[in-house]
PDB file of N, CA and C in Angstrom:
ATOM      1  N   GLN A   1      55.091-120.475 119.332  1.00  0.00           N
ATOM      2  CA  GLN A   1      54.537-119.297 119.979  1.00  0.00           C
ATOM      3  C   GLN A   1      54.947-118.059 119.190  1.00  0.00           C
ATOM      4  N   VAL A   2      53.962-117.291 118.791  1.00  0.00           N
ATOM      5  CA  VAL A   2      54.223-116.075 118.034  1.00  0.00           C
ATOM      6  C   VAL A   2      54.580-114.944 118.996  1.00  0.00           C
ATOM      7  N   GLN A   3      55.622-114.204 118.649  1.00  0.00           N
ATOM      8  CA  GLN A   3      56.006-113.029 119.425  1.00  0.00           C
ATOM      9  C   GLN A   3      55.932-111.809 118.528  1.00  0.00           C
ATOM     10  N   LEU A   4      55.394-110.728 119.078  1.00  0.00           N
ATOM     11  CA  LEU A   4      55.199-109.505 118.323  1.00  0.00           C
ATOM     12  C   LEU A   4      55.860-108.350 119.067  1.00  0.00           C
ATOM     13  N   ILE A   5      56.602-107.546 118.336  1.00  0.00           N
ATOM     14  CA  ILE A   5      57.270-106.404 118.946  1.00  0.00           C
ATOM     15  C   ILE A   5      56.976-105.164 118.111  1.00  0.00           C
ATOM     16  N   GLU A   6      56.281-104.204 118.739  1.00  0.00           N
ATOM     17  CA  GLU A   6      55.939-102.952 118.059  1.00  0.00           C
ATOM     18  C   GLU A   6      57.025-101.910 118.272  1.00  0.00           C
ATOM     19  N   SER A   7      57.097-100.978 117.342  1.00  0.00           N
ATOM     20  CA  SER A   7      57.993 -99.836 117.463  1.00  0.00           C
ATOM     21  C   SER A   7      57.446 -98.703 116.616  1.00  0.00           C
ATOM     22  N   GLY A   8      58.009 -97.518 116.816  1.00  0.00           N
ATOM     23  CA  GLY A   8      57.654 -96.394 115.971  1.00  0.00           C
ATOM     24  C   GLY A   8      56.765 -95.349 116.612  1.00  0.00           C
ATOM     25  N   GLY A   9      56.310 -95.615 117.824  1.00  0.00           N
ATOM     26  CA  GLY A   9      55.476 -94.621 118.496  1.00  0.00           C
ATOM     27  C   GLY A   9      56.283 -93.418 118.928  1.00  0.00           C
ATOM     28  N   GLY A  10      55.578 -92.403 119.420  1.00  0.00           N
ATOM     29  CA  GLY A  10      56.275 -91.225 119.881  1.00  0.00           C
ATOM     30  C   GLY A  10      55.325 -90.095 120.189  1.00  0.00           C
ATOM     31  N   TRP A  11      55.920 -88.959 120.465  1.00  0.00           N
ATOM     32  CA  TRP A  11      55.159 -87.741 120.767  1.00  0.00           C
ATOM     33  C   TRP A  11      55.224 -86.860 119.540  1.00  0.00           C
ATOM     34  N   VAL A  12      54.056 -86.556 118.965  1.00  0.00           N
ATOM     35  CA  VAL A  12      54.007 -85.773 117.739  1.00  0.00           C
ATOM     36  C   VAL A  12      52.973 -84.669 117.878  1.00  0.00           C
ATOM     37  N   GLN A  13      52.952 -83.788 116.895  1.00  0.00           N
ATOM     38  CA  GLN A  13      51.959 -82.710 116.884  1.00  0.00           C
ATOM     39  C   GLN A  13      50.829 -83.068 115.925  1.00  0.00           C
ATOM     40  N   ALA A  14      49.694 -82.481 116.158  1.00  0.00           N
ATOM     41  CA  ALA A  14      48.546 -82.701 115.277  1.00  0.00           C
ATOM     42  C   ALA A  14      48.938 -82.368 113.843  1.00  0.00           C
ATOM     43  N   GLY A  15      48.536 -83.243 112.937  1.00  0.00           N
ATOM     44  CA  GLY A  15      48.861 -83.066 111.533  1.00  0.00           C
ATOM     45  C   GLY A  15      50.082 -83.842 111.078  1.00  0.00           C
ATOM     46  N   ASP A  16      50.894 -84.290 112.032  1.00  0.00           N
ATOM     47  CA  ASP A  16      52.085 -85.074 111.691  1.00  0.00           C
ATOM     48  C   ASP A  16      51.696 -86.482 111.244  1.00  0.00           C
ATOM     49  N   SER A  17      52.710 -87.214 110.800  1.00  0.00           N
ATOM     50  CA  SER A  17      52.529 -88.615 110.403  1.00  0.00           C
ATOM     51  C   SER A  17      53.498 -89.504 111.172  1.00  0.00           C
ATOM     52  N   LEU A  18      53.118 -90.749 111.325  1.00  0.00           N
ATOM     53  CA  LEU A  18      53.968 -91.745 111.964  1.00  0.00           C
ATOM     54  C   LEU A  18      53.804 -93.059 111.223  1.00  0.00           C
ATOM     55  N   ARG A  19      54.845 -93.887 111.267  1.00  0.00           N
ATOM     56  CA  ARG A  19      54.707 -95.251 110.787  1.00  0.00           C
ATOM     57  C   ARG A  19      55.083 -96.200 111.916  1.00  0.00           C
ATOM     58  N   LEU A  20      54.130 -96.988 112.327  1.00  0.00           N
ATOM     59  CA  LEU A  20      54.364 -97.999 113.344  1.00  0.00           C
ATOM     60  C   LEU A  20      54.768 -99.308 112.670  1.00  0.00           C
ATOM     61  N   SER A  21      55.625-100.036 113.329  1.00  0.00           N
ATOM     62  CA  SER A  21      56.060-101.334 112.814  1.00  0.00           C
ATOM     63  C   SER A  21      55.800-102.415 113.849  1.00  0.00           C
ATOM     64  N   CYS A  22      55.551-103.602 113.361  1.00  0.00           N
ATOM     65  CA  CYS A  22      55.359-104.753 114.246  1.00  0.00           C
ATOM     66  C   CYS A  22      56.119-105.922 113.640  1.00  0.00           C
ATOM     67  N   ALA A  23      57.174-106.346 114.313  1.00  0.00           N
ATOM     68  CA  ALA A  23      57.985-107.463 113.848  1.00  0.00           C
ATOM     69  C   ALA A  23      57.516-108.742 114.523  1.00  0.00           C
ATOM     70  N   ALA A  24      57.264-109.748 113.716  1.00  0.00           N
ATOM     71  CA  ALA A  24      56.767-111.023 114.236  1.00  0.00           C
ATOM     72  C   ALA A  24      57.839-112.099 114.168  1.00  0.00           C
ATOM     73  N   SER A  25      57.781-113.022 115.098  1.00  0.00           N
ATOM     74  CA  SER A  25      58.689-114.161 115.091  1.00  0.00           C
ATOM     75  C   SER A  25      57.995-115.353 115.725  1.00  0.00           C
ATOM     76  N   GLY A  26      58.501-116.536 115.430  1.00  0.00           N
ATOM     77  CA  GLY A  26      57.983-117.736 116.080  1.00  0.00           C
ATOM     78  C   GLY A  26      56.854-118.423 115.372  1.00  0.00           C
ATOM     79  N   GLY A  27      56.473-117.934 114.205  1.00  0.00           N
ATOM     80  CA  GLY A  27      55.389-118.582 113.482  1.00  0.00           C
ATOM     81  C   GLY A  27      55.549-118.383 111.994  1.00  0.00           C
ATOM     82  N   THR A  28      54.646-118.946 111.229  1.00  0.00           N
ATOM     83  CA  THR A  28      54.660-118.752 109.782  1.00  0.00           C
ATOM     84  C   THR A  28      53.854-117.496 109.488  1.00  0.00           C
ATOM     85  N   PHE A  29      54.565-116.398 109.335  1.00  0.00           N
ATOM     86  CA  PHE A  29      53.942-115.083 109.269  1.00  0.00           C
ATOM     87  C   PHE A  29      52.851-115.017 108.211  1.00  0.00           C
ATOM     88  N   SER A  30      53.097-115.630 107.086  1.00  0.00           N
ATOM     89  CA  SER A  30      52.147-115.519 105.980  1.00  0.00           C
ATOM     90  C   SER A  30      50.836-116.252 106.249  1.00  0.00           C
ATOM     91  N   SER A  31      50.792-117.066 107.279  1.00  0.00           N
ATOM     92  CA  SER A  31      49.570-117.786 107.626  1.00  0.00           C
ATOM     93  C   SER A  31      48.671-117.001 108.568  1.00  0.00           C
ATOM     94  N   TYR A  32      49.159-115.866 109.033  1.00  0.00           N
ATOM     95  CA  TYR A  32      48.450-115.115 110.055  1.00  0.00           C
ATOM     96  C   TYR A  32      47.808-113.855 109.508  1.00  0.00           C
ATOM     97  N   ALA A  33      46.633-113.580 110.003  1.00  0.00           N
ATOM     98  CA  ALA A  33      46.052-112.259 109.836  1.00  0.00           C
ATOM     99  C   ALA A  33      46.679-111.360 110.887  1.00  0.00           C
ATOM    100  N   MET A  34      47.025-110.159 110.485  1.00  0.00           N
ATOM    101  CA  MET A  34      47.664-109.201 111.383  1.00  0.00           C
ATOM    102  C   MET A  34      46.758-107.998 111.543  1.00  0.00           C
ATOM    103  N   ALA A  35      46.737-107.467 112.734  1.00  0.00           N
ATOM    104  CA  ALA A  35      45.850-106.338 113.005  1.00  0.00           C
ATOM    105  C   ALA A  35      46.512-105.350 113.955  1.00  0.00           C
ATOM    106  N   TRP A  36      45.980-104.151 113.929  1.00  0.00           N
ATOM    107  CA  TRP A  36      46.353-103.116 114.890  1.00  0.00           C
ATOM    108  C   TRP A  36      45.107-102.734 115.686  1.00  0.00           C
ATOM    109  N   PHE A  37      45.305-102.606 116.965  1.00  0.00           N
ATOM    110  CA  PHE A  37      44.291-102.090 117.878  1.00  0.00           C
ATOM    111  C   PHE A  37      44.907-100.920 118.630  1.00  0.00           C
ATOM    112  N   ARG A  38      44.067-100.152 119.303  1.00  0.00           N
ATOM    113  CA  ARG A  38      44.584 -99.086 120.144  1.00  0.00           C
ATOM    114  C   ARG A  38      43.735 -98.961 121.405  1.00  0.00           C
ATOM    115  N   GLN A  39      44.360 -98.437 122.427  1.00  0.00           N
ATOM    116  CA  GLN A  39      43.652 -98.233 123.685  1.00  0.00           C
ATOM    117  C   GLN A  39      44.039 -96.889 124.266  1.00  0.00           C
ATOM    118  N   ALA A  40      43.050 -96.018 124.344  1.00  0.00           N
ATOM    119  CA  ALA A  40      43.236 -94.700 124.932  1.00  0.00           C
ATOM    120  C   ALA A  40      43.010 -94.787 126.435  1.00  0.00           C
ATOM    121  N   PRO A  41      43.545 -93.839 127.191  1.00  0.00           N
ATOM    122  CA  PRO A  41      43.371 -93.861 128.649  1.00  0.00           C
ATOM    123  C   PRO A  41      41.899 -93.898 129.037  1.00  0.00           C
ATOM    124  N   GLY A  42      41.545 -94.842 129.890  1.00  0.00           N
ATOM    125  CA  GLY A  42      40.184 -94.942 130.368  1.00  0.00           C
ATOM    126  C   GLY A  42      39.191 -95.541 129.400  1.00  0.00           C
ATOM    127  N   LYS A  43      39.679 -96.026 128.260  1.00  0.00           N
ATOM    128  CA  LYS A  43      38.782 -96.602 127.248  1.00  0.00           C
ATOM    129  C   LYS A  43      39.152 -98.048 126.959  1.00  0.00           C
ATOM    130  N   GLU A  44      38.230 -98.747 126.330  1.00  0.00           N
ATOM    131  CA  GLU A  44      38.496-100.122 125.947  1.00  0.00           C
ATOM    132  C   GLU A  44      39.391-100.164 124.710  1.00  0.00           C
ATOM    133  N   ARG A  45      40.058-101.277 124.566  1.00  0.00           N
ATOM    134  CA  ARG A  45      40.883-101.475 123.383  1.00  0.00           C
ATOM    135  C   ARG A  45      39.966-101.604 122.168  1.00  0.00           C
ATOM    136  N   GLU A  46      40.333-100.922 121.084  1.00  0.00           N
ATOM    137  CA  GLU A  46      39.477-100.913 119.902  1.00  0.00           C
ATOM    138  C   GLU A  46      40.246-101.277 118.645  1.00  0.00           C
ATOM    139  N   PHE A  47      39.523-101.871 117.724  1.00  0.00           N
ATOM    140  CA  PHE A  47      40.085-102.260 116.433  1.00  0.00           C
ATOM    141  C   PHE A  47      40.430-101.029 115.612  1.00  0.00           C
ATOM    142  N   VAL A  48      41.565-101.105 114.910  1.00  0.00           N
ATOM    143  CA  VAL A  48      41.988-100.012 114.034  1.00  0.00           C
ATOM    144  C   VAL A  48      42.066-100.491 112.583  1.00  0.00           C
ATOM    145  N   ALA A  49      42.836-101.548 112.338  1.00  0.00           N
ATOM    146  CA  ALA A  49      43.040-102.019 110.965  1.00  0.00           C
ATOM    147  C   ALA A  49      43.514-103.463 110.976  1.00  0.00           C
ATOM    148  N   ALA A  50      43.277-104.157 109.857  1.00  0.00           N
ATOM    149  CA  ALA A  50      43.715-105.550 109.750  1.00  0.00           C
ATOM    150  C   ALA A  50      44.110-105.875 108.320  1.00  0.00           C
ATOM    151  N   SER A  51      44.969-106.874 108.207  1.00  0.00           N
ATOM    152  CA  SER A  51      45.471-107.302 106.899  1.00  0.00           C
ATOM    153  C   SER A  51      45.411-108.815 106.802  1.00  0.00           C
ATOM    154  N   ASN A  52      44.866-109.297 105.693  1.00  0.00           N
ATOM    155  CA  ASN A  52      44.812-110.736 105.428  1.00  0.00           C
ATOM    156  C   ASN A  52      45.820-111.096 104.362  1.00  0.00           C
ATOM    157  N   TRP A  53      46.727-112.022 104.677  1.00  0.00           N
ATOM    158  CA  TRP A  53      47.668-112.477 103.653  1.00  0.00           C
ATOM    159  C   TRP A  53      46.942-113.318 102.604  1.00  0.00           C
ATOM    160  N   ARG A  54      46.019-114.142 103.064  1.00  0.00           N
ATOM    161  CA  ARG A  54      45.399-115.099 102.156  1.00  0.00           C
ATOM    162  C   ARG A  54      44.624-114.428 101.036  1.00  0.00           C
ATOM    163  N   THR A  55      43.989-113.316 101.356  1.00  0.00           N
ATOM    164  CA  THR A  55      43.155-112.656 100.341  1.00  0.00           C
ATOM    165  C   THR A  55      43.749-111.343  99.859  1.00  0.00           C
ATOM    166  N   GLY A  56      44.722-110.822 100.592  1.00  0.00           N
ATOM    167  CA  GLY A  56      45.265-109.513 100.254  1.00  0.00           C
ATOM    168  C   GLY A  56      44.377-108.374 100.686  1.00  0.00           C
ATOM    169  N   SER A  57      43.302-108.688 101.380  1.00  0.00           N
ATOM    170  CA  SER A  57      42.353-107.648 101.767  1.00  0.00           C
ATOM    171  C   SER A  57      42.788-106.941 103.031  1.00  0.00           C
ATOM    172  N   THR A  58      42.301-105.736 103.188  1.00  0.00           N
ATOM    173  CA  THR A  58      42.516-104.951 104.395  1.00  0.00           C
ATOM    174  C   THR A  58      41.176-104.423 104.875  1.00  0.00           C
ATOM    175  N   SER A  59      41.125-104.094 106.150  1.00  0.00           N
ATOM    176  CA  SER A  59      39.916-103.509 106.706  1.00  0.00           C
ATOM    177  C   SER A  59      40.310-102.461 107.734  1.00  0.00           C
ATOM    178  N   TYR A  60      39.426-101.491 107.923  1.00  0.00           N
ATOM    179  CA  TYR A  60      39.706-100.371 108.805  1.00  0.00           C
ATOM    180  C   TYR A  60      38.478-100.006 109.622  1.00  0.00           C
ATOM    181  N   ALA A  61      38.746 -99.466 110.795  1.00  0.00           N
ATOM    182  CA  ALA A  61      37.670 -98.858 111.569  1.00  0.00           C
ATOM    183  C   ALA A  61      37.223 -97.595 110.846  1.00  0.00           C
ATOM    184  N   ASP A  62      35.948 -97.293 110.921  1.00  0.00           N
ATOM    185  CA  ASP A  62      35.417 -96.109 110.229  1.00  0.00           C
ATOM    186  C   ASP A  62      36.139 -94.838 110.675  1.00  0.00           C
ATOM    187  N   SER A  63      36.537 -94.789 111.927  1.00  0.00           N
ATOM    188  CA  SER A  63      37.134 -93.575 112.479  1.00  0.00           C
ATOM    189  C   SER A  63      38.511 -93.266 111.906  1.00  0.00           C
ATOM    190  N   VAL A  64      39.140 -94.243 111.244  1.00  0.00           N
ATOM    191  CA  VAL A  64      40.503 -94.012 110.743  1.00  0.00           C
ATOM    192  C   VAL A  64      40.604 -94.144 109.224  1.00  0.00           C
ATOM    193  N   LYS A  65      39.516 -94.483 108.577  1.00  0.00           N
ATOM    194  CA  LYS A  65      39.562 -94.652 107.116  1.00  0.00           C
ATOM    195  C   LYS A  65      40.043 -93.389 106.436  1.00  0.00           C
ATOM    196  N   GLY A  66      40.959 -93.564 105.508  1.00  0.00           N
ATOM    197  CA  GLY A  66      41.495 -92.442 104.754  1.00  0.00           C
ATOM    198  C   GLY A  66      42.720 -91.815 105.381  1.00  0.00           C
ATOM    199  N   ARG A  67      42.997 -92.139 106.655  1.00  0.00           N
ATOM    200  CA  ARG A  67      44.191 -91.595 107.318  1.00  0.00           C
ATOM    201  C   ARG A  67      45.167 -92.688 107.735  1.00  0.00           C
ATOM    202  N   PHE A  68      44.656 -93.877 108.025  1.00  0.00           N
ATOM    203  CA  PHE A  68      45.503 -94.988 108.475  1.00  0.00           C
ATOM    204  C   PHE A  68      45.601 -96.001 107.330  1.00  0.00           C
ATOM    205  N   PHE A  69      46.798 -96.562 107.176  1.00  0.00           N
ATOM    206  CA  PHE A  69      47.004 -97.548 106.125  1.00  0.00           C
ATOM    207  C   PHE A  69      47.862 -98.682 106.657  1.00  0.00           C
ATOM    208  N   ILE A  70      47.349 -99.886 106.543  1.00  0.00           N
ATOM    209  CA  ILE A  70      48.081-101.064 107.004  1.00  0.00           C
ATOM    210  C   ILE A  70      48.738-101.751 105.823  1.00  0.00           C
ATOM    211  N   SER A  71      49.937-102.210 106.026  1.00  0.00           N
ATOM    212  CA  SER A  71      50.650-102.959 104.996  1.00  0.00           C
ATOM    213  C   SER A  71      51.523-104.006 105.671  1.00  0.00           C
ATOM    214  N   ARG A  72      51.971-104.972 104.886  1.00  0.00           N
ATOM    215  CA  ARG A  72      52.783-106.021 105.472  1.00  0.00           C
ATOM    216  C   ARG A  72      53.863-106.440 104.489  1.00  0.00           C
ATOM    217  N   ASP A  73      54.963-106.868 105.048  1.00  0.00           N
ATOM    218  CA  ASP A  73      56.069-107.396 104.270  1.00  0.00           C
ATOM    219  C   ASP A  73      56.316-108.800 104.786  1.00  0.00           C
ATOM    220  N   ASN A  74      55.828-109.784 104.069  1.00  0.00           N
ATOM    221  CA  ASN A  74      55.939-111.157 104.551  1.00  0.00           C
ATOM    222  C   ASN A  74      57.380-111.630 104.588  1.00  0.00           C
ATOM    223  N   ALA A  75      58.212-111.116 103.691  1.00  0.00           N
ATOM    224  CA  ALA A  75      59.617-111.517 103.686  1.00  0.00           C
ATOM    225  C   ALA A  75      60.318-111.062 104.965  1.00  0.00           C
ATOM    226  N   LYS A  76      59.876-109.927 105.509  1.00  0.00           N
ATOM    227  CA  LYS A  76      60.468-109.407 106.742  1.00  0.00           C
ATOM    228  C   LYS A  76      59.631-109.758 107.968  1.00  0.00           C
ATOM    229  N   ALA A  77      58.511-110.438 107.743  1.00  0.00           N
ATOM    230  CA  ALA A  77      57.609-110.784 108.849  1.00  0.00           C
ATOM    231  C   ALA A  77      57.255-109.542 109.656  1.00  0.00           C
ATOM    232  N   THR A  78      56.893-108.500 108.959  1.00  0.00           N
ATOM    233  CA  THR A  78      56.604-107.219 109.598  1.00  0.00           C
ATOM    234  C   THR A  78      55.316-106.625 109.025  1.00  0.00           C
ATOM    235  N   VAL A  79      54.525-106.069 109.904  1.00  0.00           N
ATOM    236  CA  VAL A  79      53.332-105.340 109.491  1.00  0.00           C
ATOM    237  C   VAL A  79      53.493-103.883 109.928  1.00  0.00           C
ATOM    238  N   TYR A  80      52.986-102.991 109.110  1.00  0.00           N
ATOM    239  CA  TYR A  80      53.150-101.565 109.339  1.00  0.00           C
ATOM    240  C   TYR A  80      51.789-100.898 109.467  1.00  0.00           C
ATOM    241  N   LEU A  81      51.782 -99.784 110.172  1.00  0.00           N
ATOM    242  CA  LEU A  81      50.608 -98.929 110.219  1.00  0.00           C
ATOM    243  C   LEU A  81      51.072 -97.500 109.952  1.00  0.00           C
ATOM    244  N   GLN A  82      50.730 -97.012 108.779  1.00  0.00           N
ATOM    245  CA  GLN A  82      51.024 -95.625 108.431  1.00  0.00           C
ATOM    246  C   GLN A  82      49.881 -94.761 108.925  1.00  0.00           C
ATOM    247  N   ILE A  83      50.200 -93.768 109.741  1.00  0.00           N
ATOM    248  CA  ILE A  83      49.181 -92.892 110.306  1.00  0.00           C
ATOM    249  C   ILE A  83      49.457 -91.476 109.822  1.00  0.00           C
ATOM    250  N   ASN A  84      48.516 -90.923 109.105  1.00  0.00           N
ATOM    251  CA  ASN A  84      48.649 -89.572 108.569  1.00  0.00           C
ATOM    252  C   ASN A  84      47.674 -88.619 109.253  1.00  0.00           C
ATOM    253  N   SER A  85      47.986 -87.337 109.170  1.00  0.00           N
ATOM    254  CA  SER A  85      47.098 -86.301 109.708  1.00  0.00           C
ATOM    255  C   SER A  85      46.659 -86.638 111.121  1.00  0.00           C
ATOM    256  N   LEU A  86      47.623 -86.882 111.980  1.00  0.00           N
ATOM    257  CA  LEU A  86      47.317 -87.293 113.349  1.00  0.00           C
ATOM    258  C   LEU A  86      46.504 -86.249 114.082  1.00  0.00           C
ATOM    259  N   LYS A  87      45.588 -86.740 114.905  1.00  0.00           N
ATOM    260  CA  LYS A  87      44.719 -85.897 115.704  1.00  0.00           C
ATOM    261  C   LYS A  87      44.942 -86.206 117.184  1.00  0.00           C
ATOM    262  N   PRO A  88      44.659 -85.256 118.062  1.00  0.00           N
ATOM    263  CA  PRO A  88      44.806 -85.544 119.499  1.00  0.00           C
ATOM    264  C   PRO A  88      44.022 -86.776 119.936  1.00  0.00           C
ATOM    265  N   GLU A  89      42.889 -87.024 119.314  1.00  0.00           N
ATOM    266  CA  GLU A  89      42.089 -88.195 119.702  1.00  0.00           C
ATOM    267  C   GLU A  89      42.697 -89.514 119.235  1.00  0.00           C
ATOM    268  N   ASP A  90      43.782 -89.449 118.480  1.00  0.00           N
ATOM    269  CA  ASP A  90      44.514 -90.671 118.118  1.00  0.00           C
ATOM    270  C   ASP A  90      45.491 -91.093 119.219  1.00  0.00           C
ATOM    271  N   THR A  91      45.622 -90.256 120.244  1.00  0.00           N
ATOM    272  CA  THR A  91      46.509 -90.591 121.356  1.00  0.00           C
ATOM    273  C   THR A  91      46.064 -91.887 122.010  1.00  0.00           C
ATOM    274  N   ALA A  92      46.973 -92.847 122.063  1.00  0.00           N
ATOM    275  CA  ALA A  92      46.648 -94.171 122.602  1.00  0.00           C
ATOM    276  C   ALA A  92      47.905 -95.035 122.597  1.00  0.00           C
ATOM    277  N   VAL A  93      47.795 -96.166 123.249  1.00  0.00           N
ATOM    278  CA  VAL A  93      48.791 -97.223 123.071  1.00  0.00           C
ATOM    279  C   VAL A  93      48.313 -98.073 121.903  1.00  0.00           C
ATOM    280  N   TYR A  94      49.174 -98.270 120.939  1.00  0.00           N
ATOM    281  CA  TYR A  94      48.839 -99.044 119.754  1.00  0.00           C
ATOM    282  C   TYR A  94      49.443-100.437 119.875  1.00  0.00           C
ATOM    283  N   TYR A  95      48.579-101.426 119.676  1.00  0.00           N
ATOM    284  CA  TYR A  95      48.973-102.819 119.814  1.00  0.00           C
ATOM    285  C   TYR A  95      48.875-103.551 118.483  1.00  0.00           C
ATOM    286  N   CYS A  96      49.831-104.395 118.248  1.00  0.00           N
ATOM    287  CA  CYS A  96      49.814-105.315 117.121  1.00  0.00           C
ATOM    288  C   CYS A  96      49.268-106.652 117.610  1.00  0.00           C
ATOM    289  N   ALA A  97      48.481-107.306 116.771  1.00  0.00           N
ATOM    290  CA  ALA A  97      47.899-108.588 117.151  1.00  0.00           C
ATOM    291  C   ALA A  97      47.923-109.545 115.968  1.00  0.00           C
ATOM    292  N   ALA A  98      47.918-110.836 116.260  1.00  0.00           N
ATOM    293  CA  ALA A  98      47.954-111.844 115.198  1.00  0.00           C
ATOM    294  C   ALA A  98      47.024-113.003 115.528  1.00  0.00           C
ATOM    295  N   ARG A  99      46.455-113.589 114.474  1.00  0.00           N
ATOM    296  CA  ARG A  99      45.646-114.785 114.636  1.00  0.00           C
ATOM    297  C   ARG A  99      45.824-115.630 113.381  1.00  0.00           C
ATOM    298  N   TYR A 100      45.749-116.913 113.570  1.00  0.00           N
ATOM    299  CA  TYR A 100      45.850-117.807 112.421  1.00  0.00           C
ATOM    300  C   TYR A 100      44.558-117.722 111.633  1.00  0.00           C
ATOM    301  N   GLY A 101      44.674-117.582 110.326  1.00  0.00           N
ATOM    302  CA  GLY A 101      43.486-117.543 109.488  1.00  0.00           C
ATOM    303  C   GLY A 101      43.119-116.126 109.092  1.00  0.00           C
ATOM    304  N   TYR A 102      41.834-115.902 108.994  1.00  0.00           N
ATOM    305  CA  TYR A 102      41.337-114.616 108.524  1.00  0.00           C
ATOM    306  C   TYR A 102      41.218-113.612 109.661  1.00  0.00           C
ATOM    307  N   SER A 103      41.243-112.341 109.284  1.00  0.00           N
ATOM    308  CA  SER A 103      41.198-111.296 110.287  1.00  0.00           C
ATOM    309  C   SER A 103      39.810-111.171 110.901  1.00  0.00           C
ATOM    310  N   ARG A 104      39.802-110.655 112.121  1.00  0.00           N
ATOM    311  CA  ARG A 104      38.574-110.326 112.838  1.00  0.00           C
ATOM    312  C   ARG A 104      38.763-108.944 113.430  1.00  0.00           C
ATOM    313  N   ILE A 105      37.685-108.380 113.958  1.00  0.00           N
ATOM    314  CA  ILE A 105      37.803-107.033 114.499  1.00  0.00           C
ATOM    315  C   ILE A 105      37.600-106.980 116.003  1.00  0.00           C
ATOM    316  N   THR A 106      37.484-108.137 116.641  1.00  0.00           N
ATOM    317  CA  THR A 106      37.283-108.146 118.084  1.00  0.00           C
ATOM    318  C   THR A 106      38.554-108.591 118.804  1.00  0.00           C
ATOM    319  N   VAL A 107      38.776-107.987 119.957  1.00  0.00           N
ATOM    320  CA  VAL A 107      39.990-108.226 120.727  1.00  0.00           C
ATOM    321  C   VAL A 107      40.160-109.694 121.079  1.00  0.00           C
ATOM    322  N   ASN A 108      39.101-110.332 121.529  1.00  0.00           N
ATOM    323  CA  ASN A 108      39.255-111.680 122.068  1.00  0.00           C
ATOM    324  C   ASN A 108      39.453-112.758 121.016  1.00  0.00           C
ATOM    325  N   GLU A 109      39.465-112.365 119.741  1.00  0.00           N
ATOM    326  CA  GLU A 109      39.723-113.358 118.687  1.00  0.00           C
ATOM    327  C   GLU A 109      41.191-113.385 118.267  1.00  0.00           C
ATOM    328  N   TYR A 110      42.004-112.603 118.945  1.00  0.00           N
ATOM    329  CA  TYR A 110      43.432-112.574 118.647  1.00  0.00           C
ATOM    330  C   TYR A 110      44.203-113.149 119.835  1.00  0.00           C
ATOM    331  N   PRO A 111      44.873-114.262 119.655  1.00  0.00           N
ATOM    332  CA  PRO A 111      45.609-114.863 120.770  1.00  0.00           C
ATOM    333  C   PRO A 111      46.993-114.278 121.008  1.00  0.00           C
ATOM    334  N   TYR A 112      47.518-113.589 120.011  1.00  0.00           N
ATOM    335  CA  TYR A 112      48.896-113.091 120.131  1.00  0.00           C
ATOM    336  C   TYR A 112      48.909-111.577 120.082  1.00  0.00           C
ATOM    337  N   TRP A 113      49.646-110.995 121.031  1.00  0.00           N
ATOM    338  CA  TRP A 113      49.695-109.537 121.180  1.00  0.00           C
ATOM    339  C   TRP A 113      51.105-109.066 121.453  1.00  0.00           C
ATOM    340  N   GLY A 114      51.412-107.869 120.957  1.00  0.00           N
ATOM    341  CA  GLY A 114      52.645-107.209 121.315  1.00  0.00           C
ATOM    342  C   GLY A 114      52.463-106.428 122.604  1.00  0.00           C
ATOM    343  N   GLN A 115      53.520-105.770 123.016  1.00  0.00           N
ATOM    344  CA  GLN A 115      53.494-105.038 124.284  1.00  0.00           C
ATOM    345  C   GLN A 115      52.928-103.636 124.129  1.00  0.00           C
ATOM    346  N   GLY A 116      52.788-103.179 122.884  1.00  0.00           N
ATOM    347  CA  GLY A 116      52.227-101.858 122.625  1.00  0.00           C
ATOM    348  C   GLY A 116      53.274-100.784 122.459  1.00  0.00           C
ATOM    349  N   THR A 117      52.907 -99.762 121.721  1.00  0.00           N
ATOM    350  CA  THR A 117      53.765 -98.595 121.545  1.00  0.00           C
ATOM    351  C   THR A 117      52.902 -97.358 121.703  1.00  0.00           C
ATOM    352  N   GLN A 118      53.386 -96.405 122.480  1.00  0.00           N
ATOM    353  CA  GLN A 118      52.599 -95.214 122.818  1.00  0.00           C
ATOM    354  C   GLN A 118      52.683 -94.177 121.704  1.00  0.00           C
ATOM    355  N   VAL A 119      51.525 -93.673 121.327  1.00  0.00           N
ATOM    356  CA  VAL A 119      51.449 -92.542 120.412  1.00  0.00           C
ATOM    357  C   VAL A 119      50.731 -91.412 121.144  1.00  0.00           C
ATOM    358  N   THR A 120      51.383 -90.275 121.223  1.00  0.00           N
ATOM    359  CA  THR A 120      50.806 -89.109 121.888  1.00  0.00           C
ATOM    360  C   THR A 120      50.793 -87.956 120.895  1.00  0.00           C
ATOM    361  N   VAL A 121      49.613 -87.389 120.695  1.00  0.00           N
ATOM    362  CA  VAL A 121      49.443 -86.309 119.721  1.00  0.00           C
ATOM    363  C   VAL A 121      49.044 -85.049 120.468  1.00  0.00           C
ATOM    364  N   SER A 122      49.840 -84.023 120.357  1.00  0.00           N
ATOM    365  CA  SER A 122      49.523 -82.750 121.007  1.00  0.00           C
ATOM    366  C   SER A 122      48.869 -81.809 120.008  1.00  0.00           C
ATOM    367  N   SER A 123      47.980 -80.996 120.531  1.00  0.00           N
ATOM    368  CA  SER A 123      47.239 -80.074 119.643  1.00  0.00           C
ATOM    369  C   SER A 123      48.002 -78.774 119.439  1.00  0.00           C
TER     370      SER A 123
END
C-alpha cells in the first residue's frame, strides 16, 4: 500500500513562491507516475502536473504552464511542485497522487492520494 504525505503549503502573498513536497512510502517509487492535483473551495479537484519515471516526461495543466514545475527524486521517494508567481486563484488544497505505470490527468485514475496541503494566496 502506497502512502503519500504532502508538506510545504502555507499562507503567502501574490507573487511569492512555494515548493510543495510529497514523500512516498510502501511501494517501488520509481514504478509510479506521480501527479499533483488541487481543489479550490466549491470546485472539483483538478489536474495540475504529472511526472513519469519511465519516460522522464512531465505534463502540466494549461493554467499553470510556465509557473509550476514538477520534479522527483527517486532516491528520496519524493516528488516536488515548485510554484512561482503565485496568484490568488491558486488558492486550494494541493494533493499528491500516485498510480502504477504512466501518468494520467483524471482524478479517478489515481488510486493513491495524500491528505493534501493548503495553499492560500492573498492579494
